[in-house]
Amino acid sequence: MSTTAYAKVWKEARTYALTPDQVASPLVGRPYDLRHATVSLWLNSGVPAPDVAERAGHSVDVLLRVYGKCIDGQREVANQRIARALTA
């Protein structure tokens, strides 16, 4: 399949999978963006960084340098884990 044909199919598929506002955004503008979304999802789901790095084919250092800024919303869970560890 040519790159042009692939891009055309991808662009059309986005219109079926996304809302009109999302289609107008850069969200998954390229198939490669799905990789970034997947790795970010794994990290934000609490999968340990070494496991995510292995699945993504990165070192932990590279993983955190590239995707560390995507980790969000885990402070409260981390605080609870720390508090439990300190009282155990």
PDB file of N, CA and C in Angstrom:
ATOM      1  N   MET A   1       0.854  -1.166   0.000  1.00  0.00           N
ATOM      2  CA  MET A   1       0.000   0.000   0.000  1.00  0.00           C
ATOM      3  C   MET A   1       0.903   1.231   0.000  1.00  0.00           C
ATOM      4  N   SER A   2       0.585   2.184  -0.815  1.00  0.00           N
ATOM      5  CA  SER A   2       1.396   3.399  -0.880  1.00  0.00           C
ATOM      6  C   SER A   2       1.137   4.278   0.341  1.00  0.00           C
ATOM      7  N   THR A   3       2.089   5.123   0.632  1.00  0.00           N
ATOM      8  CA  THR A   3       1.961   6.058   1.751  1.00  0.00           C
ATOM      9  C   THR A   3       0.765   6.972   1.561  1.00  0.00           C
ATOM     10  N   THR A   4       0.558   7.407   0.340  1.00  0.00           N
ATOM     11  CA  THR A   4      -0.569   8.295   0.047  1.00  0.00           C
ATOM     12  C   THR A   4      -1.904   7.600   0.311  1.00  0.00           C
ATOM     13  N   ALA A   5      -2.029   6.369  -0.136  1.00  0.00           N
ATOM     14  CA  ALA A   5      -3.269   5.615   0.088  1.00  0.00           C
ATOM     15  C   ALA A   5      -3.485   5.366   1.573  1.00  0.00           C
ATOM     16  N   TYR A   6      -2.418   5.020   2.275  1.00  0.00           N
ATOM     17  CA  TYR A   6      -2.508   4.766   3.713  1.00  0.00           C
ATOM     18  C   TYR A   6      -2.979   6.019   4.448  1.00  0.00           C
ATOM     19  N   ALA A   7      -2.393   7.164   4.084  1.00  0.00           N
ATOM     20  CA  ALA A   7      -2.761   8.431   4.720  1.00  0.00           C
ATOM     21  C   ALA A   7      -4.220   8.774   4.452  1.00  0.00           C
ATOM     22  N   LYS A   8      -4.684   8.505   3.240  1.00  0.00           N
ATOM     23  CA  LYS A   8      -6.078   8.796   2.884  1.00  0.00           C
ATOM     24  C   LYS A   8      -7.037   7.938   3.713  1.00  0.00           C
ATOM     25  N   VAL A   9      -6.731   6.655   3.840  1.00  0.00           N
ATOM     26  CA  VAL A   9      -7.573   5.748   4.632  1.00  0.00           C
ATOM     27  C   VAL A   9      -7.557   6.162   6.101  1.00  0.00           C
ATOM     28  N   TRP A  10      -6.375   6.501   6.605  1.00  0.00           N
ATOM     29  CA  TRP A  10      -6.256   6.922   8.007  1.00  0.00           C
ATOM     30  C   TRP A  10      -7.096   8.172   8.267  1.00  0.00           C
ATOM     31  N   LYS A  11      -7.007   9.140   7.366  1.00  0.00           N
ATOM     32  CA  LYS A  11      -7.769  10.392   7.526  1.00  0.00           C
ATOM     33  C   LYS A  11      -9.265  10.102   7.554  1.00  0.00           C
ATOM     34  N   GLU A  12      -9.723   9.234   6.673  1.00  0.00           N
ATOM     35  CA  GLU A  12     -11.140   8.892   6.649  1.00  0.00           C
ATOM     36  C   GLU A  12     -11.549   8.117   7.904  1.00  0.00           C
ATOM     37  N   ALA A  13     -10.710   7.200   8.357  1.00  0.00           N
ATOM     38  CA  ALA A  13     -11.021   6.414   9.552  1.00  0.00           C
ATOM     39  C   ALA A  13     -11.189   7.309  10.776  1.00  0.00           C
ATOM     40  N   ARG A  14     -10.392   8.370  10.843  1.00  0.00           N
ATOM     41  CA  ARG A  14     -10.507   9.298  11.978  1.00  0.00           C
ATOM     42  C   ARG A  14     -11.906   9.902  12.051  1.00  0.00           C
ATOM     43  N   THR A  15     -12.529  10.158  10.876  1.00  0.00           N
ATOM     44  CA  THR A  15     -13.864  10.771  10.872  1.00  0.00           C
ATOM     45  C   THR A  15     -14.918   9.825  11.433  1.00  0.00           C
ATOM     46  N   TYR A  16     -14.669   8.526  11.350  1.00  0.00           N
ATOM     47  CA  TYR A  16     -15.607   7.542  11.905  1.00  0.00           C
ATOM     48  C   TYR A  16     -15.358   7.291  13.386  1.00  0.00           C
ATOM     49  N   ALA A  17     -14.128   7.433  13.814  1.00  0.00           N
ATOM     50  CA  ALA A  17     -13.767   7.069  15.189  1.00  0.00           C
ATOM     51  C   ALA A  17     -13.798   8.234  16.168  1.00  0.00           C
ATOM     52  N   LEU A  18     -13.708   9.459  15.667  1.00  0.00           N
ATOM     53  CA  LEU A  18     -13.579  10.622  16.540  1.00  0.00           C
ATOM     54  C   LEU A  18     -14.756  11.573  16.375  1.00  0.00           C
ATOM     55  N   THR A  19     -14.938  12.423  17.369  1.00  0.00           N
ATOM     56  CA  THR A  19     -15.947  13.470  17.262  1.00  0.00           C
ATOM     57  C   THR A  19     -15.452  14.533  16.271  1.00  0.00           C
ATOM     58  N   PRO A  20     -16.337  15.379  15.755  1.00  0.00           N
ATOM     59  CA  PRO A  20     -15.886  16.430  14.836  1.00  0.00           C
ATOM     60  C   PRO A  20     -14.809  17.343  15.437  1.00  0.00           C
ATOM     61  N   ASP A  21     -14.929  17.674  16.723  1.00  0.00           N
ATOM     62  CA  ASP A  21     -13.896  18.502  17.362  1.00  0.00           C
ATOM     63  C   ASP A  21     -12.558  17.779  17.417  1.00  0.00           C
ATOM     64  N   GLN A  22     -12.597  16.486  17.692  1.00  0.00           N
ATOM     65  CA  GLN A  22     -11.362  15.706  17.732  1.00  0.00           C
ATOM     66  C   GLN A  22     -10.747  15.581  16.339  1.00  0.00           C
ATOM     67  N   VAL A  23     -11.592  15.413  15.322  1.00  0.00           N
ATOM     68  CA  VAL A  23     -11.084  15.331  13.953  1.00  0.00           C
ATOM     69  C   VAL A  23     -10.379  16.630  13.580  1.00  0.00           C
ATOM     70  N   ALA A  24     -10.900  17.764  14.034  1.00  0.00           N
ATOM     71  CA  ALA A  24     -10.292  19.068  13.734  1.00  0.00           C
ATOM     72  C   ALA A  24      -8.991  19.288  14.502  1.00  0.00           C
ATOM     73  N   SER A  25      -8.756  18.487  15.541  1.00  0.00           N
ATOM     74  CA  SER A  25      -7.549  18.613  16.357  1.00  0.00           C
ATOM     75  C   SER A  25      -6.445  17.722  15.782  1.00  0.00           C
ATOM     76  N   PRO A  26      -5.232  17.839  16.345  1.00  0.00           N
ATOM     77  CA  PRO A  26      -4.149  16.960  15.879  1.00  0.00           C
ATOM     78  C   PRO A  26      -4.190  15.556  16.503  1.00  0.00           C
ATOM     79  N   LEU A  27      -5.226  15.259  17.284  1.00  0.00           N
ATOM     80  CA  LEU A  27      -5.336  13.965  17.952  1.00  0.00           C
ATOM     81  C   LEU A  27      -5.207  12.822  16.945  1.00  0.00           C
ATOM     82  N   VAL A  28      -4.305  11.898  17.214  1.00  0.00           N
ATOM     83  CA  VAL A  28      -3.990  10.767  16.338  1.00  0.00           C
ATOM     84  C   VAL A  28      -3.991  11.148  14.863  1.00  0.00           C
ATOM     85  N   GLY A  29      -3.307  12.231  14.574  1.00  0.00           N
ATOM     86  CA  GLY A  29      -3.183  12.673  13.195  1.00  0.00           C
ATOM     87  C   GLY A  29      -2.404  11.685  12.347  1.00  0.00           C
ATOM     88  N   ARG A  30      -1.549  10.915  12.994  1.00  0.00           N
ATOM     89  CA  ARG A  30      -0.755   9.890  12.305  1.00  0.00           C
ATOM     90  C   ARG A  30      -0.908   8.578  13.060  1.00  0.00           C
ATOM     91  N   PRO A  31      -0.799   7.451  12.386  1.00  0.00           N
ATOM     92  CA  PRO A  31      -0.883   6.172  13.107  1.00  0.00           C
ATOM     93  C   PRO A  31       0.151   6.067  14.232  1.00  0.00           C
ATOM     94  N   TYR A  32       1.328   6.656  14.047  1.00  0.00           N
ATOM     95  CA  TYR A  32       2.368   6.594  15.073  1.00  0.00           C
ATOM     96  C   TYR A  32       1.905   7.225  16.380  1.00  0.00           C
ATOM     97  N   ASP A  33       0.977   8.183  16.301  1.00  0.00           N
ATOM     98  CA  ASP A  33       0.483   8.833  17.516  1.00  0.00           C
ATOM     99  C   ASP A  33      -0.191   7.835  18.457  1.00  0.00           C
ATOM    100  N   LEU A  34      -0.673   6.728  17.912  1.00  0.00           N
ATOM    101  CA  LEU A  34      -1.292   5.707  18.758  1.00  0.00           C
ATOM    102  C   LEU A  34      -0.278   5.105  19.721  1.00  0.00           C
ATOM    103  N   ARG A  35       0.976   5.001  19.284  1.00  0.00           N
ATOM    104  CA  ARG A  35       2.031   4.482  20.165  1.00  0.00           C
ATOM    105  C   ARG A  35       2.191   5.404  21.368  1.00  0.00           C
ATOM    106  N   HIS A  36       2.266   6.701  21.116  1.00  0.00           N
ATOM    107  CA  HIS A  36       2.413   7.668  22.195  1.00  0.00           C
ATOM    108  C   HIS A  36       1.214   7.592  23.146  1.00  0.00           C
ATOM    109  N   ALA A  37       0.031   7.493  22.584  1.00  0.00           N
ATOM    110  CA  ALA A  37      -1.176   7.399  23.408  1.00  0.00           C
ATOM    111  C   ALA A  37      -1.167   6.134  24.255  1.00  0.00           C
ATOM    112  N   THR A  38      -0.728   5.036  23.658  1.00  0.00           N
ATOM    113  CA  THR A  38      -0.694   3.764  24.380  1.00  0.00           C
ATOM    114  C   THR A  38       0.294   3.803  25.533  1.00  0.00           C
ATOM    115  N   VAL A  39       1.502   4.274  25.271  1.00  0.00           N
ATOM    116  CA  VAL A  39       2.520   4.340  26.324  1.00  0.00           C
ATOM    117  C   VAL A  39       2.062   5.285  27.435  1.00  0.00           C
ATOM    118  N   SER A  40       1.474   6.417  27.073  1.00  0.00           N
ATOM    119  CA  SER A  40       0.966   7.362  28.071  1.00  0.00           C
ATOM    120  C   SER A  40      -0.146   6.728  28.902  1.00  0.00           C
ATOM    121  N   LEU A  41      -1.031   5.991  28.248  1.00  0.00           N
ATOM    122  CA  LEU A  41      -2.113   5.309  28.962  1.00  0.00           C
ATOM    123  C   LEU A  41      -1.563   4.306  29.949  1.00  0.00           C
ATOM    124  N   TRP A  42      -0.589   3.505  29.527  1.00  0.00           N
ATOM    125  CA  TRP A  42       0.004   2.518  30.430  1.00  0.00           C
ATOM    126  C   TRP A  42       0.595   3.194  31.655  1.00  0.00           C
ATOM    127  N   LEU A  43       1.358   4.267  31.444  1.00  0.00           N
ATOM    128  CA  LEU A  43       1.976   4.967  32.571  1.00  0.00           C
ATOM    129  C   LEU A  43       0.928   5.550  33.502  1.00  0.00           C
ATOM    130  N   ASN A  44      -0.101   6.166  32.942  1.00  0.00           N
ATOM    131  CA  ASN A  44      -1.141   6.782  33.763  1.00  0.00           C
ATOM    132  C   ASN A  44      -2.056   5.764  34.417  1.00  0.00           C
ATOM    133  N   SER A  45      -2.003   4.531  33.949  1.00  0.00           N
ATOM    134  CA  SER A  45      -2.791   3.462  34.578  1.00  0.00           C
ATOM    135  C   SER A  45      -2.045   2.840  35.748  1.00  0.00           C
ATOM    136  N   GLY A  46      -0.812   3.293  35.966  1.00  0.00           N
ATOM    137  CA  GLY A  46      -0.042   2.787  37.093  1.00  0.00           C
ATOM    138  C   GLY A  46       0.864   1.612  36.762  1.00  0.00           C
ATOM    139  N   VAL A  47       1.009   1.270  35.485  1.00  0.00           N
ATOM    140  CA  VAL A  47       1.936   0.206  35.117  1.00  0.00           C
ATOM    141  C   VAL A  47       3.341   0.701  35.435  1.00  0.00           C
ATOM    142  N   PRO A  48       4.144  -0.068  36.160  1.00  0.00           N
ATOM    143  CA  PRO A  48       5.490   0.388  36.528  1.00  0.00           C
ATOM    144  C   PRO A  48       6.337   0.735  35.295  1.00  0.00           C
ATOM    145  N   ALA A  49       7.104   1.806  35.423  1.00  0.00           N
ATOM    146  CA  ALA A  49       7.921   2.290  34.312  1.00  0.00           C
ATOM    147  C   ALA A  49       8.810   1.211  33.689  1.00  0.00           C
ATOM    148  N   PRO A  50       9.462   0.332  34.477  1.00  0.00           N
ATOM    149  CA  PRO A  50      10.275  -0.708  33.832  1.00  0.00           C
ATOM    150  C   PRO A  50       9.459  -1.637  32.933  1.00  0.00           C
ATOM    151  N   ASP A  51       8.222  -1.941  33.336  1.00  0.00           N
ATOM    152  CA  ASP A  51       7.366  -2.789  32.513  1.00  0.00           C
ATOM    153  C   ASP A  51       6.951  -2.072  31.233  1.00  0.00           C
ATOM    154  N   VAL A  52       6.578  -0.808  31.356  1.00  0.00           N
ATOM    155  CA  VAL A  52       6.197  -0.025  30.179  1.00  0.00           C
ATOM    156  C   VAL A  52       7.387   0.104  29.231  1.00  0.00           C
ATOM    157  N   ALA A  53       8.562   0.379  29.787  1.00  0.00           N
ATOM    158  CA  ALA A  53       9.760   0.525  28.960  1.00  0.00           C
ATOM    159  C   ALA A  53      10.025  -0.753  28.170  1.00  0.00           C
ATOM    160  N   GLU A  54       9.901  -1.889  28.827  1.00  0.00           N
ATOM    161  CA  GLU A  54      10.142  -3.161  28.142  1.00  0.00           C
ATOM    162  C   GLU A  54       9.132  -3.388  27.022  1.00  0.00           C
ATOM    163  N   ARG A  55       7.862  -3.134  27.305  1.00  0.00           N
ATOM    164  CA  ARG A  55       6.820  -3.321  26.294  1.00  0.00           C
ATOM    165  C   ARG A  55       6.998  -2.378  25.110  1.00  0.00           C
ATOM    166  N   ALA A  56       7.466  -1.156  25.392  1.00  0.00           N
ATOM    167  CA  ALA A  56       7.627  -0.146  24.336  1.00  0.00           C
ATOM    168  C   ALA A  56       8.976  -0.236  23.633  1.00  0.00           C
ATOM    169  N   GLY A  57       9.874  -1.048  24.170  1.00  0.00           N
ATOM    170  CA  GLY A  57      11.190  -1.170  23.559  1.00  0.00           C
ATOM    171  C   GLY A  57      12.117  -0.011  23.875  1.00  0.00           C
ATOM    172  N   HIS A  58      11.937   0.576  25.049  1.00  0.00           N
ATOM    173  CA  HIS A  58      12.769   1.689  25.510  1.00  0.00           C
ATOM    174  C   HIS A  58      13.567   1.267  26.738  1.00  0.00           C
ATOM    175  N   SER A  59      14.588   2.039  27.053  1.00  0.00           N
ATOM    176  CA  SER A  59      15.183   1.947  28.381  1.00  0.00           C
ATOM    177  C   SER A  59      14.290   2.788  29.294  1.00  0.00           C
ATOM    178  N   VAL A  60      14.375   2.571  30.584  1.00  0.00           N
ATOM    179  CA  VAL A  60      13.575   3.367  31.523  1.00  0.00           C
ATOM    180  C   VAL A  60      13.964   4.834  31.407  1.00  0.00           C
ATOM    181  N   ASP A  61      15.252   5.109  31.230  1.00  0.00           N
ATOM    182  CA  ASP A  61      15.723   6.480  31.094  1.00  0.00           C
ATOM    183  C   ASP A  61      15.056   7.186  29.910  1.00  0.00           C
ATOM    184  N   VAL A  62      15.057   6.534  28.768  1.00  0.00           N
ATOM    185  CA  VAL A  62      14.439   7.128  27.572  1.00  0.00           C
ATOM    186  C   VAL A  62      12.936   7.263  27.772  1.00  0.00           C
ATOM    187  N   LEU A  63      12.306   6.230  28.319  1.00  0.00           N
ATOM    188  CA  LEU A  63      10.866   6.275  28.557  1.00  0.00           C
ATOM    189  C   LEU A  63      10.474   7.493  29.387  1.00  0.00           C
ATOM    190  N   LEU A  64      11.161   7.691  30.506  1.00  0.00           N
ATOM    191  CA  LEU A  64      10.798   8.800  31.393  1.00  0.00           C
ATOM    192  C   LEU A  64      11.156  10.153  30.798  1.00  0.00           C
ATOM    193  N   ARG A  65      12.222  10.195  30.015  1.00  0.00           N
ATOM    194  CA  ARG A  65      12.587  11.469  29.374  1.00  0.00           C
ATOM    195  C   ARG A  65      11.538  11.864  28.327  1.00  0.00           C
ATOM    196  N   VAL A  66      11.044  10.892  27.579  1.00  0.00           N
ATOM    197  CA  VAL A  66      10.089  11.185  26.514  1.00  0.00           C
ATOM    198  C   VAL A  66       8.660  11.291  27.042  1.00  0.00           C
ATOM    199  N   TYR A  67       8.281  10.384  27.936  1.00  0.00           N
ATOM    200  CA  TYR A  67       6.887  10.296  28.364  1.00  0.00           C
ATOM    201  C   TYR A  67       6.624  10.774  29.785  1.00  0.00           C
ATOM    202  N   GLY A  68       7.651  11.120  30.530  1.00  0.00           N
ATOM    203  CA  GLY A  68       7.465  11.528  31.918  1.00  0.00           C
ATOM    204  C   GLY A  68       6.500  12.684  32.076  1.00  0.00           C
ATOM    205  N   LYS A  69       6.493  13.591  31.111  1.00  0.00           N
ATOM    206  CA  LYS A  69       5.608  14.756  31.194  1.00  0.00           C
ATOM    207  C   LYS A  69       4.139  14.378  31.010  1.00  0.00           C
ATOM    208  N   CYS A  70       3.884  13.156  30.546  1.00  0.00           N
ATOM    209  CA  CYS A  70       2.510  12.700  30.317  1.00  0.00           C
ATOM    210  C   CYS A  70       1.883  12.067  31.550  1.00  0.00           C
ATOM    211  N   ILE A  71       2.703  11.764  32.551  1.00  0.00           N
ATOM    212  CA  ILE A  71       2.182  11.134  33.768  1.00  0.00           C
ATOM    213  C   ILE A  71       1.447  12.201  34.565  1.00  0.00           C
ATOM    214  N   ASP A  72       0.184  11.921  34.879  1.00  0.00           N
ATOM    215  CA  ASP A  72      -0.647  12.915  35.543  1.00  0.00           C
ATOM    216  C   ASP A  72      -1.675  12.224  36.425  1.00  0.00           C
ATOM    217  N   GLY A  73      -2.010  12.874  37.526  1.00  0.00           N
ATOM    218  CA  GLY A  73      -3.108  12.411  38.350  1.00  0.00           C
ATOM    219  C   GLY A  73      -2.812  11.245  39.268  1.00  0.00           C
ATOM    220  N   GLN A  74      -1.551  10.995  39.554  1.00  0.00           N
ATOM    221  CA  GLN A  74      -1.215   9.862  40.410  1.00  0.00           C
ATOM    222  C   GLN A  74      -0.698  10.270  41.781  1.00  0.00           C
ATOM    223  N   ARG A  75      -0.675  11.550  42.056  1.00  0.00           N
ATOM    224  CA  ARG A  75      -0.105  12.029  43.323  1.00  0.00           C
ATOM    225  C   ARG A  75      -0.826  11.450  44.532  1.00  0.00           C
ATOM    226  N   GLU A  76      -2.159  11.446  44.524  1.00  0.00           N
ATOM    227  CA  GLU A  76      -2.910  10.968  45.682  1.00  0.00           C
ATOM    228  C   GLU A  76      -2.658   9.478  45.917  1.00  0.00           C
ATOM    229  N   VAL A  77      -2.641   8.700  44.855  1.00  0.00           N
ATOM    230  CA  VAL A  77      -2.370   7.261  44.987  1.00  0.00           C
ATOM    231  C   VAL A  77      -0.958   7.058  45.529  1.00  0.00           C
ATOM    232  N   ALA A  78      -0.009   7.819  45.025  1.00  0.00           N
ATOM    233  CA  ALA A  78       1.370   7.709  45.508  1.00  0.00           C
ATOM    234  C   ALA A  78       1.448   8.090  46.980  1.00  0.00           C
ATOM    235  N   ASN A  79       0.767   9.149  47.377  1.00  0.00           N
ATOM    236  CA  ASN A  79       0.767   9.561  48.785  1.00  0.00           C
ATOM    237  C   ASN A  79       0.184   8.468  49.677  1.00  0.00           C
ATOM    238  N   GLN A  80      -0.874   7.820  49.222  1.00  0.00           N
ATOM    239  CA  GLN A  80      -1.485   6.740  50.006  1.00  0.00           C
ATOM    240  C   GLN A  80      -0.518   5.553  50.139  1.00  0.00           C
ATOM    241  N   ARG A  81       0.169   5.225  49.082  1.00  0.00           N
ATOM    242  CA  ARG A  81       1.125   4.112  49.130  1.00  0.00           C
ATOM    243  C   ARG A  81       2.268   4.433  50.090  1.00  0.00           C
ATOM    244  N   ILE A  82       2.750   5.669  50.044  1.00  0.00           N
ATOM    245  CA  ILE A  82       3.828   6.087  50.939  1.00  0.00           C
ATOM    246  C   ILE A  82       3.356   6.024  52.390  1.00  0.00           C
ATOM    247  N   ALA A  83       2.151   6.549  52.645  1.00  0.00           N
ATOM    248  CA  ALA A  83       1.613   6.531  54.012  1.00  0.00           C
ATOM    249  C   ALA A  83       1.439   5.102  54.519  1.00  0.00           C
ATOM    250  N   ARG A  84       0.955   4.207  53.674  1.00  0.00           N
ATOM    251  CA  ARG A  84       0.799   2.800  54.078  1.00  0.00           C
ATOM    252  C   ARG A  84       2.157   2.178  54.390  1.00  0.00           C
ATOM    253  N   ALA A  85       3.142   2.480  53.579  1.00  0.00           N
ATOM    254  CA  ALA A  85       4.482   1.908  53.794  1.00  0.00           C
ATOM    255  C   ALA A  85       5.092   2.420  55.095  1.00  0.00           C
ATOM    256  N   LEU A  86       4.819   3.661  55.428  1.00  0.00           N
ATOM    257  CA  LEU A  86       5.384   4.241  56.654  1.00  0.00           C
ATOM    258  C   LEU A  86       4.691   3.721  57.907  1.00  0.00           C
ATOM    259  N   THR A  87       3.451   3.258  57.778  1.00  0.00           N
ATOM    260  CA  THR A  87       2.740   2.759  58.955  1.00  0.00           C
ATOM    261  C   THR A  87       2.775   1.238  59.059  1.00  0.00           C
ATOM    262  N   ALA A  88       3.379   0.582  58.107  1.00  0.00           N
ATOM    263  CA  ALA A  88       3.420  -0.889  58.124  1.00  0.00           C
ATOM    264  C   ALA A  88       4.490  -1.389  59.068  1.00  0.00           C
TER     265      ALA A  88
END
